[in-house]
Amino acid sequence: MSAASLFFSWKRHALAHDQERRRRPALVPDYLEGYYSTGETTSERTYHIRIAVRNTSDSANAVARIELGISYRLIDGTTVAARIPAAEIQRENDFSVPRLIEAHETVAGWCRFVIDTRF
């Protein structure tokens, strides 16, 4: 009798552990496509990137901000890193933040990052 009780107790513990693991926030970003454009009269380059964000957890979550991370190495070996925030929304299919993503939902949209080419 005690062996069966121990077995079922262990199974309940394992099930509760799995349920708790599925509740943890887990947003997965995916790159879908992208291109860049340059300004005719300005020294800006705009990167247009379409992303999808999947919520793989059993709980709702949200995207608070979107940044483009750029890192490069100078001739002397120094590494430079920059984070460029997404530009303001201009079109209906742009990815808006903050954005709520329900459990097991995927949302997609375009992000734009404007970089001065003199940078």
C-alpha atoms as a PDB file:
ATOM      1  CA  MET A   1       0.000   0.000   0.000  1.00  0.00           C
ATOM      2  CA  SER A   2       2.766   2.474   0.821  1.00  0.00           C
ATOM      3  CA  ALA A   3       4.572   1.806  -2.483  1.00  0.00           C
ATOM      4  CA  ALA A   4       1.418   2.708  -4.445  1.00  0.00           C
ATOM      5  CA  SER A   5       0.910   5.808  -2.323  1.00  0.00           C
ATOM      6  CA  LEU A   6       4.501   6.866  -2.898  1.00  0.00           C
ATOM      7  CA  PHE A   7       4.143   6.306  -6.663  1.00  0.00           C
ATOM      8  CA  PHE A   8       0.970   8.406  -6.957  1.00  0.00           C
ATOM      9  CA  SER A   9       2.436  11.119  -4.752  1.00  0.00           C
ATOM     10  CA  TRP A  10       5.485  11.296  -7.011  1.00  0.00           C
ATOM     11  CA  LYS A  11       3.269  11.444 -10.136  1.00  0.00           C
ATOM     12  CA  ARG A  12       1.233  14.328  -8.648  1.00  0.00           C
ATOM     13  CA  HIS A  13       4.444  16.182  -7.844  1.00  0.00           C
ATOM     14  CA  ALA A  14       5.779  15.652 -11.405  1.00  0.00           C
ATOM     15  CA  LEU A  15       2.479  16.838 -12.913  1.00  0.00           C
ATOM     16  CA  ALA A  16       2.453  19.973 -10.719  1.00  0.00           C
ATOM     17  CA  HIS A  17       6.065  20.684 -11.684  1.00  0.00           C
ATOM     18  CA  ASP A  18       5.225  20.401 -15.414  1.00  0.00           C
ATOM     19  CA  GLN A  19       2.214  22.693 -15.028  1.00  0.00           C
ATOM     20  CA  GLU A  20       4.319  25.293 -13.235  1.00  0.00           C
ATOM     21  CA  ARG A  21       6.981  25.096 -15.963  1.00  0.00           C
ATOM     22  CA  ARG A  22       4.351  25.740 -18.661  1.00  0.00           C
ATOM     23  CA  ARG A  23       3.161  28.862 -16.789  1.00  0.00           C
ATOM     24  CA  ARG A  24       6.591  30.539 -16.908  1.00  0.00           C
ATOM     25  CA  PRO A  25       6.869  33.405 -19.390  1.00  0.00           C
ATOM     26  CA  ALA A  26       8.301  32.185 -22.677  1.00  0.00           C
ATOM     27  CA  LEU A  27       8.195  34.589 -25.612  1.00  0.00           C
ATOM     28  CA  VAL A  28       9.998  33.401 -28.753  1.00  0.00           C
ATOM     29  CA  PRO A  29      10.805  36.047 -31.412  1.00  0.00           C
ATOM     30  CA  ASP A  30      11.159  34.973 -35.057  1.00  0.00           C
ATOM     31  CA  TYR A  31      12.635  36.924 -37.975  1.00  0.00           C
ATOM     32  CA  LEU A  32      10.298  36.672 -40.981  1.00  0.00           C
ATOM     33  CA  GLU A  33      11.740  39.073 -43.557  1.00  0.00           C
ATOM     34  CA  GLY A  34      13.465  42.404 -43.854  1.00  0.00           C
ATOM     35  CA  TYR A  35      14.947  45.071 -46.089  1.00  0.00           C
ATOM     36  CA  TYR A  36      16.378  48.562 -45.802  1.00  0.00           C
ATOM     37  CA  SER A  37      15.735  51.852 -47.532  1.00  0.00           C
ATOM     38  CA  THR A  38      17.709  55.078 -47.673  1.00  0.00           C
ATOM     39  CA  GLY A  39      16.406  58.611 -47.516  1.00  0.00           C
ATOM     40  CA  GLU A  40      16.602  60.705 -50.680  1.00  0.00           C
ATOM     41  CA  THR A  41      17.499  63.921 -48.873  1.00  0.00           C
ATOM     42  CA  THR A  42      18.674  62.669 -45.472  1.00  0.00           C
ATOM     43  CA  SER A  43      21.583  60.605 -44.252  1.00  0.00           C
ATOM     44  CA  GLU A  44      19.266  58.019 -42.703  1.00  0.00           C
ATOM     45  CA  ARG A  45      18.940  54.342 -43.423  1.00  0.00           C
ATOM     46  CA  THR A  46      15.704  52.651 -42.318  1.00  0.00           C
ATOM     47  CA  TYR A  47      15.676  48.937 -41.589  1.00  0.00           C
ATOM     48  CA  HIS A  48      12.235  47.342 -42.031  1.00  0.00           C
ATOM     49  CA  ILE A  49      12.003  43.996 -40.228  1.00  0.00           C
ATOM     50  CA  ARG A  50       8.932  41.806 -40.016  1.00  0.00           C
ATOM     51  CA  ILE A  51       8.863  39.708 -36.858  1.00  0.00           C
ATOM     52  CA  ALA A  52       6.571  37.202 -35.195  1.00  0.00           C
ATOM     53  CA  VAL A  53       6.451  36.630 -31.452  1.00  0.00           C
ATOM     54  CA  ARG A  54       5.145  33.307 -30.107  1.00  0.00           C
ATOM     55  CA  ASN A  55       3.965  32.818 -26.554  1.00  0.00           C
ATOM     56  CA  THR A  56       4.707  29.173 -25.761  1.00  0.00           C
ATOM     57  CA  SER A  57       3.547  29.316 -22.135  1.00  0.00           C
ATOM     58  CA  ASP A  58       0.143  28.685 -20.570  1.00  0.00           C
ATOM     59  CA  SER A  59      -0.017  32.290 -19.291  1.00  0.00           C
ATOM     60  CA  ALA A  60      -0.525  35.588 -21.078  1.00  0.00           C
ATOM     61  CA  ASN A  61       2.553  37.772 -21.492  1.00  0.00           C
ATOM     62  CA  ALA A  62       3.441  41.075 -23.123  1.00  0.00           C
ATOM     63  CA  VAL A  63       6.123  42.685 -25.259  1.00  0.00           C
ATOM     64  CA  ALA A  64       7.207  45.928 -23.592  1.00  0.00           C
ATOM     65  CA  ARG A  65       9.790  47.203 -26.104  1.00  0.00           C
ATOM     66  CA  ILE A  66      11.555  46.272 -29.309  1.00  0.00           C
ATOM     67  CA  GLU A  67      15.206  47.080 -29.993  1.00  0.00           C
ATOM     68  CA  LEU A  68      17.651  46.295 -32.775  1.00  0.00           C
ATOM     69  CA  GLY A  69      21.017  45.255 -31.391  1.00  0.00           C
ATOM     70  CA  ILE A  70      24.047  46.060 -33.540  1.00  0.00           C
ATOM     71  CA  SER A  71      27.606  45.174 -32.675  1.00  0.00           C
ATOM     72  CA  TYR A  72      30.739  45.530 -34.762  1.00  0.00           C
ATOM     73  CA  ARG A  73      34.481  45.510 -34.342  1.00  0.00           C
ATOM     74  CA  LEU A  74      36.712  48.507 -35.056  1.00  0.00           C
ATOM     75  CA  ILE A  75      40.086  48.221 -36.783  1.00  0.00           C
ATOM     76  CA  ASP A  76      41.892  48.338 -33.424  1.00  0.00           C
ATOM     77  CA  GLY A  77      39.849  45.337 -32.183  1.00  0.00           C
ATOM     78  CA  THR A  78      37.456  47.290 -29.965  1.00  0.00           C
ATOM     79  CA  THR A  79      33.889  45.976 -30.046  1.00  0.00           C
ATOM     80  CA  VAL A  80      31.130  48.573 -30.245  1.00  0.00           C
ATOM     81  CA  ALA A  81      27.522  47.708 -29.430  1.00  0.00           C
ATOM     82  CA  ALA A  82      24.396  49.818 -29.920  1.00  0.00           C
ATOM     83  CA  ARG A  83      20.717  49.309 -29.231  1.00  0.00           C
ATOM     84  CA  ILE A  84      18.362  51.117 -31.573  1.00  0.00           C
ATOM     85  CA  PRO A  85      14.732  51.469 -30.398  1.00  0.00           C
ATOM     86  CA  ALA A  86      11.951  50.802 -32.886  1.00  0.00           C
ATOM     87  CA  ALA A  87      10.581  53.879 -34.632  1.00  0.00           C
ATOM     88  CA  GLU A  88       7.060  55.089 -33.973  1.00  0.00           C
ATOM     89  CA  ILE A  89       4.163  53.302 -35.623  1.00  0.00           C
ATOM     90  CA  GLN A  90       3.175  54.745 -38.990  1.00  0.00           C
ATOM     91  CA  ARG A  91       1.167  51.976 -40.628  1.00  0.00           C
ATOM     92  CA  GLU A  92      -1.610  49.640 -39.598  1.00  0.00           C
ATOM     93  CA  ASN A  93       0.532  46.489 -39.875  1.00  0.00           C
ATOM     94  CA  ASP A  94       3.384  47.840 -37.697  1.00  0.00           C
ATOM     95  CA  PHE A  95       4.140  45.928 -34.492  1.00  0.00           C
ATOM     96  CA  SER A  96       2.821  48.049 -31.626  1.00  0.00           C
ATOM     97  CA  VAL A  97       4.238  47.958 -28.112  1.00  0.00           C
ATOM     98  CA  PRO A  98       3.295  47.370 -25.400  1.00  0.00           C
ATOM     99  CA  ARG A  99       1.418  44.383 -26.798  1.00  0.00           C
ATOM    100  CA  LEU A 100      -0.393  41.645 -24.907  1.00  0.00           C
ATOM    101  CA  ILE A 101       0.120  38.107 -26.215  1.00  0.00           C
ATOM    102  CA  GLU A 102      -2.290  35.519 -24.895  1.00  0.00           C
ATOM    103  CA  ALA A 103      -1.240  31.961 -24.029  1.00  0.00           C
ATOM    104  CA  HIS A 104      -0.130  29.952 -27.090  1.00  0.00           C
ATOM    105  CA  GLU A 105      -0.789  32.922 -29.415  1.00  0.00           C
ATOM    106  CA  THR A 106       1.473  34.251 -32.178  1.00  0.00           C
ATOM    107  CA  VAL A 107       1.445  37.873 -33.310  1.00  0.00           C
ATOM    108  CA  ALA A 108       3.361  39.426 -36.205  1.00  0.00           C
ATOM    109  CA  GLY A 109       4.106  42.859 -37.583  1.00  0.00           C
ATOM    110  CA  TRP A 110       6.682  45.214 -39.055  1.00  0.00           C
ATOM    111  CA  CYS A 111       9.281  47.071 -37.000  1.00  0.00           C
ATOM    112  CA  ARG A 112      11.265  50.015 -38.327  1.00  0.00           C
ATOM    113  CA  PHE A 113      14.657  51.134 -37.071  1.00  0.00           C
ATOM    114  CA  VAL A 114      16.074  54.448 -38.285  1.00  0.00           C
ATOM    115  CA  ILE A 115      19.860  54.814 -38.207  1.00  0.00           C
ATOM    116  CA  ASP A 116      21.860  57.864 -39.201  1.00  0.00           C
ATOM    117  CA  THR A 117      24.497  56.640 -41.685  1.00  0.00           C
ATOM    118  CA  ARG A 118      27.013  59.082 -40.219  1.00  0.00           C
ATOM    119  CA  PHE A 119      26.892  56.857 -37.110  1.00  0.00           C
END
